[in-house]
């Protein structure tokens, strides 16, 4: 009996039952297994994948996270686009992406692309609209610290956090924000005269804590939030900062976070992301925006 060609294999929705298979796929490509992140994305978003006809797990997978009204999303982020090494360069990732893009209809799309993945996305019609720099390392306090009060978030802060988040991202992300207390090890807010002016989370990813989302009125508030998150963990920090925030990038590098890589921020159907970029310092994860 002949093995079906990759072009004819069905694309299906992934669920939490596929968590181990998704983690296996990450590991196959030399990524960390990231089961905690996969679980978050598969519940907050929609996973798609193709099964290996030989029973070897997933051939390819990706996750789409939609924002705004459920019936007519204002934006969707694509992430975790992976193809098993044994099936690489055979067009299966392109086929999955074509179907995902087609299935989203008129919904604008965004993603963070590595240099390796960028040519495929450009072929599909995505355009580069920005860049983010990944930095990682042990945060070392030093120099004048921002005079902004921070504290752990409480349930009573949720409505204000949601308001700030929607202003920064230009669309409703309730299904992401309300999952942060369970997903993240820390969720903190910055306050000025009793009013919340920023918030940030730190969630576990292998040996690091990833800072994201990071939403702040200005750079000093972003600095205060990072410093407060660092003060409450013994792990190195990692985050992806919009390169337009030059002052914040210089500040974290002075305090021990080293540059790791650049990703291109790409979009399909729009020329820039909605919301206020000046208050959007780092995504919850590059896989979900």
C-alpha atoms as a PDB file:
ATOM      1  CA  UNK A   1       0.000   0.000   0.000  1.00  0.00           C
ATOM      2  CA  UNK A   2       1.553   3.320  -1.040  1.00  0.00           C
ATOM      3  CA  UNK A   3       1.976   6.232   1.358  1.00  0.00           C
ATOM      4  CA  UNK A   4      -0.284   9.224   0.545  1.00  0.00           C
ATOM      5  CA  UNK A   5       1.554  12.272  -0.788  1.00  0.00           C
ATOM      6  CA  UNK A   6       1.945  15.224   1.575  1.00  0.00           C
ATOM      7  CA  UNK A   7      -0.195  17.294  -0.798  1.00  0.00           C
ATOM      8  CA  UNK A   8      -3.189  15.034  -0.204  1.00  0.00           C
ATOM      9  CA  UNK A   9      -3.012  14.688   3.590  1.00  0.00           C
ATOM     10  CA  UNK A  10      -5.905  16.365   5.448  1.00  0.00           C
ATOM     11  CA  UNK A  11      -5.379  19.467   7.596  1.00  0.00           C
ATOM     12  CA  UNK A  12      -7.210  19.226  10.915  1.00  0.00           C
ATOM     13  CA  UNK A  13      -7.847  21.279  14.050  1.00  0.00           C
ATOM     14  CA  UNK A  14      -5.534  20.534  16.946  1.00  0.00           C
ATOM     15  CA  UNK A  15      -6.716  20.249  20.560  1.00  0.00           C
ATOM     16  CA  UNK A  16      -5.104  19.846  23.956  1.00  0.00           C
ATOM     17  CA  UNK A  17      -4.956  16.102  23.204  1.00  0.00           C
ATOM     18  CA  UNK A  18      -2.255  17.039  20.685  1.00  0.00           C
ATOM     19  CA  UNK A  19      -0.110  18.832  23.270  1.00  0.00           C
ATOM     20  CA  UNK A  20       2.581  16.129  23.414  1.00  0.00           C
ATOM     21  CA  UNK A  21       2.677  15.835  19.607  1.00  0.00           C
ATOM     22  CA  UNK A  22       3.131  19.622  19.295  1.00  0.00           C
ATOM     23  CA  UNK A  23       5.931  19.537  21.870  1.00  0.00           C
ATOM     24  CA  UNK A  24       7.530  16.615  19.991  1.00  0.00           C
ATOM     25  CA  UNK A  25       7.436  18.697  16.810  1.00  0.00           C
ATOM     26  CA  UNK A  26       9.163  21.606  18.574  1.00  0.00           C
ATOM     27  CA  UNK A  27      11.837  19.259  19.860  1.00  0.00           C
ATOM     28  CA  UNK A  28      12.280  17.705  16.410  1.00  0.00           C
ATOM     29  CA  UNK A  29      13.233  21.140  15.039  1.00  0.00           C
ATOM     30  CA  UNK A  30      15.670  21.855  17.847  1.00  0.00           C
ATOM     31  CA  UNK A  31      13.306  24.092  19.818  1.00  0.00           C
ATOM     32  CA  UNK A  32      12.502  23.629  23.508  1.00  0.00           C
ATOM     33  CA  UNK A  33       9.386  21.491  24.044  1.00  0.00           C
ATOM     34  CA  UNK A  34       7.501  24.514  25.494  1.00  0.00           C
ATOM     35  CA  UNK A  35       4.479  22.477  26.599  1.00  0.00           C
ATOM     36  CA  UNK A  36       3.325  25.304  28.880  1.00  0.00           C
ATOM     37  CA  UNK A  37       3.236  27.750  25.952  1.00  0.00           C
ATOM     38  CA  UNK A  38       1.649  25.220  23.571  1.00  0.00           C
ATOM     39  CA  UNK A  39      -1.122  24.614  26.114  1.00  0.00           C
ATOM     40  CA  UNK A  40      -1.796  28.341  26.411  1.00  0.00           C
ATOM     41  CA  UNK A  41      -1.898  28.828  22.639  1.00  0.00           C
ATOM     42  CA  UNK A  42      -4.114  25.807  21.959  1.00  0.00           C
ATOM     43  CA  UNK A  43      -6.714  27.090  24.444  1.00  0.00           C
ATOM     44  CA  UNK A  44      -6.524  30.816  23.594  1.00  0.00           C
ATOM     45  CA  UNK A  45      -6.217  30.198  19.848  1.00  0.00           C
ATOM     46  CA  UNK A  46      -6.819  27.575  17.176  1.00  0.00           C
ATOM     47  CA  UNK A  47      -4.218  24.994  16.240  1.00  0.00           C
ATOM     48  CA  UNK A  48      -3.968  23.376  12.814  1.00  0.00           C
ATOM     49  CA  UNK A  49      -1.850  20.448  11.751  1.00  0.00           C
ATOM     50  CA  UNK A  50      -1.249  17.499   9.442  1.00  0.00           C
ATOM     51  CA  UNK A  51      -0.704  13.998  10.801  1.00  0.00           C
ATOM     52  CA  UNK A  52       2.148  11.812   9.579  1.00  0.00           C
ATOM     53  CA  UNK A  53       0.541   8.934   7.627  1.00  0.00           C
ATOM     54  CA  UNK A  54       3.273   6.646   8.968  1.00  0.00           C
ATOM     55  CA  UNK A  55       2.232   7.354  12.545  1.00  0.00           C
ATOM     56  CA  UNK A  56       5.180   9.557  13.397  1.00  0.00           C
ATOM     57  CA  UNK A  57       3.231  12.360  15.055  1.00  0.00           C
ATOM     58  CA  UNK A  58       2.635  15.677  13.310  1.00  0.00           C
ATOM     59  CA  UNK A  59       4.119  16.561   9.940  1.00  0.00           C
ATOM     60  CA  UNK A  60       3.426  20.261  10.466  1.00  0.00           C
ATOM     61  CA  UNK A  61       1.516  22.576  12.807  1.00  0.00           C
ATOM     62  CA  UNK A  62       0.694  26.206  13.527  1.00  0.00           C
ATOM     63  CA  UNK A  63      -1.535  28.255  15.839  1.00  0.00           C
ATOM     64  CA  UNK A  64      -3.847  31.157  14.954  1.00  0.00           C
ATOM     65  CA  UNK A  65      -4.930  33.568  17.704  1.00  0.00           C
ATOM     66  CA  UNK A  66      -7.857  35.824  16.806  1.00  0.00           C
ATOM     67  CA  UNK A  67      -8.636  39.198  18.378  1.00  0.00           C
ATOM     68  CA  UNK A  68     -11.812  41.270  18.435  1.00  0.00           C
ATOM     69  CA  UNK A  69     -15.389  40.096  17.835  1.00  0.00           C
ATOM     70  CA  UNK A  70     -15.641  36.324  17.475  1.00  0.00           C
ATOM     71  CA  UNK A  71     -17.810  36.549  14.342  1.00  0.00           C
ATOM     72  CA  UNK A  72     -15.602  39.138  12.621  1.00  0.00           C
ATOM     73  CA  UNK A  73     -12.090  39.186  14.129  1.00  0.00           C
ATOM     74  CA  UNK A  74     -10.245  42.487  13.795  1.00  0.00           C
ATOM     75  CA  UNK A  75      -6.841  40.779  13.659  1.00  0.00           C
ATOM     76  CA  UNK A  76      -5.320  37.302  13.825  1.00  0.00           C
ATOM     77  CA  UNK A  77      -1.767  36.354  14.783  1.00  0.00           C
ATOM     78  CA  UNK A  78      -0.092  33.258  13.331  1.00  0.00           C
ATOM     79  CA  UNK A  79       2.657  31.483  15.240  1.00  0.00           C
ATOM     80  CA  UNK A  80       4.461  28.221  16.022  1.00  0.00           C
ATOM     81  CA  UNK A  81       4.714  27.371  12.309  1.00  0.00           C
ATOM     82  CA  UNK A  82       6.755  24.158  12.308  1.00  0.00           C
ATOM     83  CA  UNK A  83       7.511  21.344   9.869  1.00  0.00           C
ATOM     84  CA  UNK A  84       9.072  18.058  10.963  1.00  0.00           C
ATOM     85  CA  UNK A  85      12.697  17.784   9.838  1.00  0.00           C
ATOM     86  CA  UNK A  86      12.017  14.613   7.854  1.00  0.00           C
ATOM     87  CA  UNK A  87       9.403  16.453   5.781  1.00  0.00           C
ATOM     88  CA  UNK A  88      11.188  19.797   5.449  1.00  0.00           C
ATOM     89  CA  UNK A  89      11.483  21.541   2.072  1.00  0.00           C
ATOM     90  CA  UNK A  90       8.685  19.465   0.555  1.00  0.00           C
ATOM     91  CA  UNK A  91       6.036  22.214   0.476  1.00  0.00           C
ATOM     92  CA  UNK A  92       3.925  20.945   3.372  1.00  0.00           C
ATOM     93  CA  UNK A  93       4.458  24.097   5.468  1.00  0.00           C
ATOM     94  CA  UNK A  94       3.521  26.230   2.481  1.00  0.00           C
ATOM     95  CA  UNK A  95       0.360  24.168   1.987  1.00  0.00           C
ATOM     96  CA  UNK A  96      -0.683  24.568   5.635  1.00  0.00           C
ATOM     97  CA  UNK A  97      -0.038  28.315   5.557  1.00  0.00           C
ATOM     98  CA  UNK A  98      -1.935  28.783   2.289  1.00  0.00           C
ATOM     99  CA  UNK A  99      -4.999  27.087   3.776  1.00  0.00           C
ATOM    100  CA  UNK A 100      -4.787  29.059   7.018  1.00  0.00           C
ATOM    101  CA  UNK A 101      -4.463  32.379   5.177  1.00  0.00           C
ATOM    102  CA  UNK A 102      -7.305  31.457   2.816  1.00  0.00           C
ATOM    103  CA  UNK A 103      -9.503  30.308   5.700  1.00  0.00           C
ATOM    104  CA  UNK A 104      -9.135  33.656   7.502  1.00  0.00           C
ATOM    105  CA  UNK A 105     -10.805  35.461   4.592  1.00  0.00           C
ATOM    106  CA  UNK A 106     -10.673  39.232   4.977  1.00  0.00           C
ATOM    107  CA  UNK A 107      -9.260  39.170   8.522  1.00  0.00           C
ATOM    108  CA  UNK A 108      -5.920  41.031   8.670  1.00  0.00           C
ATOM    109  CA  UNK A 109      -3.032  38.786   9.722  1.00  0.00           C
ATOM    110  CA  UNK A 110       0.267  39.310  11.517  1.00  0.00           C
ATOM    111  CA  UNK A 111       3.242  37.179  12.504  1.00  0.00           C
ATOM    112  CA  UNK A 112       6.839  37.354  13.669  1.00  0.00           C
ATOM    113  CA  UNK A 113       9.170  35.793  11.091  1.00  0.00           C
ATOM    114  CA  UNK A 114      12.672  34.450  11.497  1.00  0.00           C
ATOM    115  CA  UNK A 115      15.060  35.015   8.570  1.00  0.00           C
ATOM    116  CA  UNK A 116      14.507  31.336   7.700  1.00  0.00           C
ATOM    117  CA  UNK A 117      10.717  31.630   7.480  1.00  0.00           C
ATOM    118  CA  UNK A 118      10.467  35.103   5.971  1.00  0.00           C
ATOM    119  CA  UNK A 119      10.767  34.069   2.261  1.00  0.00           C
ATOM    120  CA  UNK A 120       7.720  31.758   2.564  1.00  0.00           C
ATOM    121  CA  UNK A 121       5.604  34.470   4.171  1.00  0.00           C
ATOM    122  CA  UNK A 122       6.649  36.999   1.545  1.00  0.00           C
ATOM    123  CA  UNK A 123       5.653  34.496  -1.134  1.00  0.00           C
ATOM    124  CA  UNK A 124       2.204  34.291   0.499  1.00  0.00           C
ATOM    125  CA  UNK A 125       1.793  38.085   0.399  1.00  0.00           C
ATOM    126  CA  UNK A 126       2.978  39.155   3.873  1.00  0.00           C
ATOM    127  CA  UNK A 127       4.897  42.446   4.097  1.00  0.00           C
ATOM    128  CA  UNK A 128       7.498  43.493   6.663  1.00  0.00           C
ATOM    129  CA  UNK A 129       6.097  46.311   8.819  1.00  0.00           C
ATOM    130  CA  UNK A 130       8.546  46.294  11.729  1.00  0.00           C
ATOM    131  CA  UNK A 131      11.159  44.449  13.767  1.00  0.00           C
ATOM    132  CA  UNK A 132      11.489  43.066  17.266  1.00  0.00           C
ATOM    133  CA  UNK A 133      14.736  42.272  19.086  1.00  0.00           C
ATOM    134  CA  UNK A 134      14.959  39.287  21.416  1.00  0.00           C
ATOM    135  CA  UNK A 135      17.106  39.899  24.483  1.00  0.00           C
ATOM    136  CA  UNK A 136      17.900  37.522  27.337  1.00  0.00           C
ATOM    137  CA  UNK A 137      19.991  37.354  30.474  1.00  0.00           C
ATOM    138  CA  UNK A 138      20.130  37.956  34.199  1.00  0.00           C
ATOM    139  CA  UNK A 139      18.822  41.411  35.056  1.00  0.00           C
ATOM    140  CA  UNK A 140      21.245  43.385  37.214  1.00  0.00           C
ATOM    141  CA  UNK A 141      19.815  46.491  38.914  1.00  0.00           C
ATOM    142  CA  UNK A 142      21.978  49.579  38.613  1.00  0.00           C
ATOM    143  CA  UNK A 143      21.961  53.293  38.009  1.00  0.00           C
ATOM    144  CA  UNK A 144      18.981  55.519  38.694  1.00  0.00           C
ATOM    145  CA  UNK A 145      15.836  53.407  38.789  1.00  0.00           C
ATOM    146  CA  UNK A 146      12.457  54.713  37.596  1.00  0.00           C
ATOM    147  CA  UNK A 147      10.334  56.270  40.340  1.00  0.00           C
ATOM    148  CA  UNK A 148       7.133  54.456  39.432  1.00  0.00           C
ATOM    149  CA  UNK A 149       5.206  52.377  41.952  1.00  0.00           C
ATOM    150  CA  UNK A 150       4.518  48.743  41.046  1.00  0.00           C
ATOM    151  CA  UNK A 151       2.648  45.918  42.759  1.00  0.00           C
ATOM    152  CA  UNK A 152       1.145  42.509  42.118  1.00  0.00           C
ATOM    153  CA  UNK A 153      -2.108  42.695  40.157  1.00  0.00           C
ATOM    154  CA  UNK A 154      -5.373  41.704  41.818  1.00  0.00           C
ATOM    155  CA  UNK A 155      -8.727  40.571  40.454  1.00  0.00           C
ATOM    156  CA  UNK A 156     -10.010  44.122  40.981  1.00  0.00           C
ATOM    157  CA  UNK A 157      -7.455  45.409  38.460  1.00  0.00           C
ATOM    158  CA  UNK A 158      -8.747  43.287  35.577  1.00  0.00           C
ATOM    159  CA  UNK A 159     -11.135  45.815  34.022  1.00  0.00           C
ATOM    160  CA  UNK A 160      -8.450  48.525  34.000  1.00  0.00           C
ATOM    161  CA  UNK A 161      -5.845  46.119  32.578  1.00  0.00           C
ATOM    162  CA  UNK A 162      -8.289  45.163  29.808  1.00  0.00           C
ATOM    163  CA  UNK A 163      -8.883  48.853  29.027  1.00  0.00           C
ATOM    164  CA  UNK A 164      -5.149  49.562  28.770  1.00  0.00           C
ATOM    165  CA  UNK A 165      -4.578  46.460  26.666  1.00  0.00           C
ATOM    166  CA  UNK A 166      -7.305  47.346  24.173  1.00  0.00           C
ATOM    167  CA  UNK A 167      -5.955  50.893  23.798  1.00  0.00           C
ATOM    168  CA  UNK A 168      -2.446  49.582  23.108  1.00  0.00           C
ATOM    169  CA  UNK A 169      -3.468  46.762  20.765  1.00  0.00           C
ATOM    170  CA  UNK A 170      -6.441  48.450  19.149  1.00  0.00           C
ATOM    171  CA  UNK A 171      -8.676  45.417  19.601  1.00  0.00           C
ATOM    172  CA  UNK A 172     -10.238  43.343  22.359  1.00  0.00           C
ATOM    173  CA  UNK A 173      -7.940  40.638  23.790  1.00  0.00           C
ATOM    174  CA  UNK A 174     -10.037  39.549  26.760  1.00  0.00           C
ATOM    175  CA  UNK A 175      -9.460  35.858  26.043  1.00  0.00           C
ATOM    176  CA  UNK A 176      -5.693  36.404  26.296  1.00  0.00           C
ATOM    177  CA  UNK A 177      -5.592  38.771  29.267  1.00  0.00           C
ATOM    178  CA  UNK A 178      -7.989  36.741  31.418  1.00  0.00           C
ATOM    179  CA  UNK A 179      -5.774  33.663  30.973  1.00  0.00           C
ATOM    180  CA  UNK A 180      -2.631  35.465  32.164  1.00  0.00           C
ATOM    181  CA  UNK A 181      -3.128  34.870  35.932  1.00  0.00           C
ATOM    182  CA  UNK A 182      -3.101  31.095  35.345  1.00  0.00           C
ATOM    183  CA  UNK A 183      -0.420  31.158  32.627  1.00  0.00           C
ATOM    184  CA  UNK A 184       2.071  33.577  34.176  1.00  0.00           C
ATOM    185  CA  UNK A 185       4.050  33.262  37.400  1.00  0.00           C
ATOM    186  CA  UNK A 186       3.791  37.034  37.862  1.00  0.00           C
ATOM    187  CA  UNK A 187       1.294  39.672  36.781  1.00  0.00           C
ATOM    188  CA  UNK A 188       2.159  43.163  37.962  1.00  0.00           C
ATOM    189  CA  UNK A 189       0.791  46.674  37.457  1.00  0.00           C
ATOM    190  CA  UNK A 190       2.345  50.143  37.614  1.00  0.00           C
ATOM    191  CA  UNK A 191       0.399  52.882  39.359  1.00  0.00           C
ATOM    192  CA  UNK A 192       0.501  56.650  39.474  1.00  0.00           C
ATOM    193  CA  UNK A 193      -1.797  58.561  41.834  1.00  0.00           C
ATOM    194  CA  UNK A 194      -3.995  55.476  42.202  1.00  0.00           C
ATOM    195  CA  UNK A 195      -4.364  54.936  38.458  1.00  0.00           C
ATOM    196  CA  UNK A 196      -2.901  51.954  36.580  1.00  0.00           C
ATOM    197  CA  UNK A 197      -0.528  53.173  33.841  1.00  0.00           C
ATOM    198  CA  UNK A 198       0.937  49.844  32.736  1.00  0.00           C
ATOM    199  CA  UNK A 199       0.996  46.114  33.290  1.00  0.00           C
ATOM    200  CA  UNK A 200       3.305  43.203  32.567  1.00  0.00           C
ATOM    201  CA  UNK A 201       3.509  39.455  33.027  1.00  0.00           C
ATOM    202  CA  UNK A 202       6.401  37.021  33.407  1.00  0.00           C
ATOM    203  CA  UNK A 203       5.724  33.418  32.417  1.00  0.00           C
ATOM    204  CA  UNK A 204       7.945  30.342  32.686  1.00  0.00           C
ATOM    205  CA  UNK A 205       9.693  29.040  29.586  1.00  0.00           C
ATOM    206  CA  UNK A 206      12.318  26.390  30.244  1.00  0.00           C
ATOM    207  CA  UNK A 207      14.968  28.029  32.476  1.00  0.00           C
ATOM    208  CA  UNK A 208      13.847  31.641  31.855  1.00  0.00           C
ATOM    209  CA  UNK A 209      10.941  33.916  32.647  1.00  0.00           C
ATOM    210  CA  UNK A 210       9.576  35.543  29.501  1.00  0.00           C
ATOM    211  CA  UNK A 211       8.412  39.145  30.006  1.00  0.00           C
ATOM    212  CA  UNK A 212       5.232  39.707  28.046  1.00  0.00           C
ATOM    213  CA  UNK A 213       2.901  41.300  27.480  1.00  0.00           C
ATOM    214  CA  UNK A 214       4.519  44.591  28.466  1.00  0.00           C
ATOM    215  CA  UNK A 215       2.111  47.506  28.119  1.00  0.00           C
ATOM    216  CA  UNK A 216       3.115  50.877  29.525  1.00  0.00           C
ATOM    217  CA  UNK A 217       2.307  54.569  29.222  1.00  0.00           C
ATOM    218  CA  UNK A 218       5.980  55.346  28.515  1.00  0.00           C
ATOM    219  CA  UNK A 219       9.530  54.010  28.810  1.00  0.00           C
ATOM    220  CA  UNK A 220       9.917  54.821  32.522  1.00  0.00           C
ATOM    221  CA  UNK A 221       6.826  52.772  33.331  1.00  0.00           C
ATOM    222  CA  UNK A 222       8.105  49.894  31.185  1.00  0.00           C
ATOM    223  CA  UNK A 223      11.449  50.046  33.014  1.00  0.00           C
ATOM    224  CA  UNK A 224       9.748  49.961  36.412  1.00  0.00           C
ATOM    225  CA  UNK A 225       7.687  46.927  35.437  1.00  0.00           C
ATOM    226  CA  UNK A 226      10.710  44.981  34.147  1.00  0.00           C
ATOM    227  CA  UNK A 227      12.710  45.840  37.268  1.00  0.00           C
ATOM    228  CA  UNK A 228       9.862  44.719  39.532  1.00  0.00           C
ATOM    229  CA  UNK A 229       9.416  41.437  37.646  1.00  0.00           C
ATOM    230  CA  UNK A 230      13.169  40.791  37.852  1.00  0.00           C
ATOM    231  CA  UNK A 231      13.170  41.476  41.590  1.00  0.00           C
ATOM    232  CA  UNK A 232      10.630  38.688  42.127  1.00  0.00           C
ATOM    233  CA  UNK A 233      12.367  35.889  40.214  1.00  0.00           C
ATOM    234  CA  UNK A 234      15.713  34.103  40.382  1.00  0.00           C
ATOM    235  CA  UNK A 235      15.547  33.132  36.689  1.00  0.00           C
ATOM    236  CA  UNK A 236      17.080  34.977  33.736  1.00  0.00           C
ATOM    237  CA  UNK A 237      14.638  37.149  31.798  1.00  0.00           C
ATOM    238  CA  UNK A 238      13.845  36.958  28.089  1.00  0.00           C
ATOM    239  CA  UNK A 239      11.677  39.290  26.052  1.00  0.00           C
ATOM    240  CA  UNK A 240      11.048  40.583  22.509  1.00  0.00           C
ATOM    241  CA  UNK A 241      11.058  44.380  22.327  1.00  0.00           C
ATOM    242  CA  UNK A 242       9.868  46.495  19.406  1.00  0.00           C
ATOM    243  CA  UNK A 243      13.058  48.054  18.011  1.00  0.00           C
ATOM    244  CA  UNK A 244      11.404  51.487  17.947  1.00  0.00           C
ATOM    245  CA  UNK A 245      11.734  51.451  21.744  1.00  0.00           C
ATOM    246  CA  UNK A 246      15.443  52.262  21.517  1.00  0.00           C
ATOM    247  CA  UNK A 247      15.685  53.727  25.022  1.00  0.00           C
ATOM    248  CA  UNK A 248      14.252  50.605  26.660  1.00  0.00           C
ATOM    249  CA  UNK A 249      16.488  48.300  24.615  1.00  0.00           C
ATOM    250  CA  UNK A 250      19.588  50.267  25.624  1.00  0.00           C
ATOM    251  CA  UNK A 251      18.473  50.203  29.273  1.00  0.00           C
ATOM    252  CA  UNK A 252      17.933  46.425  29.470  1.00  0.00           C
ATOM    253  CA  UNK A 253      21.251  45.766  27.724  1.00  0.00           C
ATOM    254  CA  UNK A 254      23.036  47.970  30.280  1.00  0.00           C
ATOM    255  CA  UNK A 255      21.467  45.747  32.947  1.00  0.00           C
ATOM    256  CA  UNK A 256      22.585  42.387  31.625  1.00  0.00           C
ATOM    257  CA  UNK A 257      20.162  41.335  28.896  1.00  0.00           C
ATOM    258  CA  UNK A 258      22.110  40.439  25.751  1.00  0.00           C
ATOM    259  CA  UNK A 259      20.786  40.570  22.171  1.00  0.00           C
ATOM    260  CA  UNK A 260      19.884  37.123  20.815  1.00  0.00           C
ATOM    261  CA  UNK A 261      18.094  37.627  17.477  1.00  0.00           C
ATOM    262  CA  UNK A 262      15.866  39.866  15.393  1.00  0.00           C
ATOM    263  CA  UNK A 263      12.466  38.860  14.051  1.00  0.00           C
ATOM    264  CA  UNK A 264      10.587  40.648  11.288  1.00  0.00           C
ATOM    265  CA  UNK A 265       7.072  41.752  12.188  1.00  0.00           C
ATOM    266  CA  UNK A 266       4.952  40.988   9.121  1.00  0.00           C
ATOM    267  CA  UNK A 267       1.362  41.689   8.162  1.00  0.00           C
ATOM    268  CA  UNK A 268      -1.137  40.605   5.535  1.00  0.00           C
ATOM    269  CA  UNK A 269      -4.057  42.825   4.562  1.00  0.00           C
ATOM    270  CA  UNK A 270      -2.888  45.860   6.566  1.00  0.00           C
ATOM    271  CA  UNK A 271       0.107  48.195   6.399  1.00  0.00           C
ATOM    272  CA  UNK A 272       0.459  48.672  10.156  1.00  0.00           C
ATOM    273  CA  UNK A 273      -0.914  47.048  13.298  1.00  0.00           C
ATOM    274  CA  UNK A 274      -3.887  48.652  15.044  1.00  0.00           C
ATOM    275  CA  UNK A 275      -3.547  50.386  18.390  1.00  0.00           C
ATOM    276  CA  UNK A 276      -0.790  52.547  19.860  1.00  0.00           C
ATOM    277  CA  UNK A 277       2.691  51.102  19.273  1.00  0.00           C
ATOM    278  CA  UNK A 278       4.249  53.624  21.657  1.00  0.00           C
ATOM    279  CA  UNK A 279       2.575  51.821  24.582  1.00  0.00           C
ATOM    280  CA  UNK A 280       3.166  48.317  23.188  1.00  0.00           C
ATOM    281  CA  UNK A 281       6.652  47.298  24.316  1.00  0.00           C
ATOM    282  CA  UNK A 282       6.584  43.474  24.135  1.00  0.00           C
ATOM    283  CA  UNK A 283       4.073  40.794  23.075  1.00  0.00           C
ATOM    284  CA  UNK A 284       2.822  38.021  25.342  1.00  0.00           C
ATOM    285  CA  UNK A 285       4.734  35.761  22.945  1.00  0.00           C
ATOM    286  CA  UNK A 286       5.835  36.263  19.351  1.00  0.00           C
ATOM    287  CA  UNK A 287       3.538  33.314  18.521  1.00  0.00           C
ATOM    288  CA  UNK A 288       0.422  35.263  19.530  1.00  0.00           C
ATOM    289  CA  UNK A 289       1.292  38.958  19.397  1.00  0.00           C
END
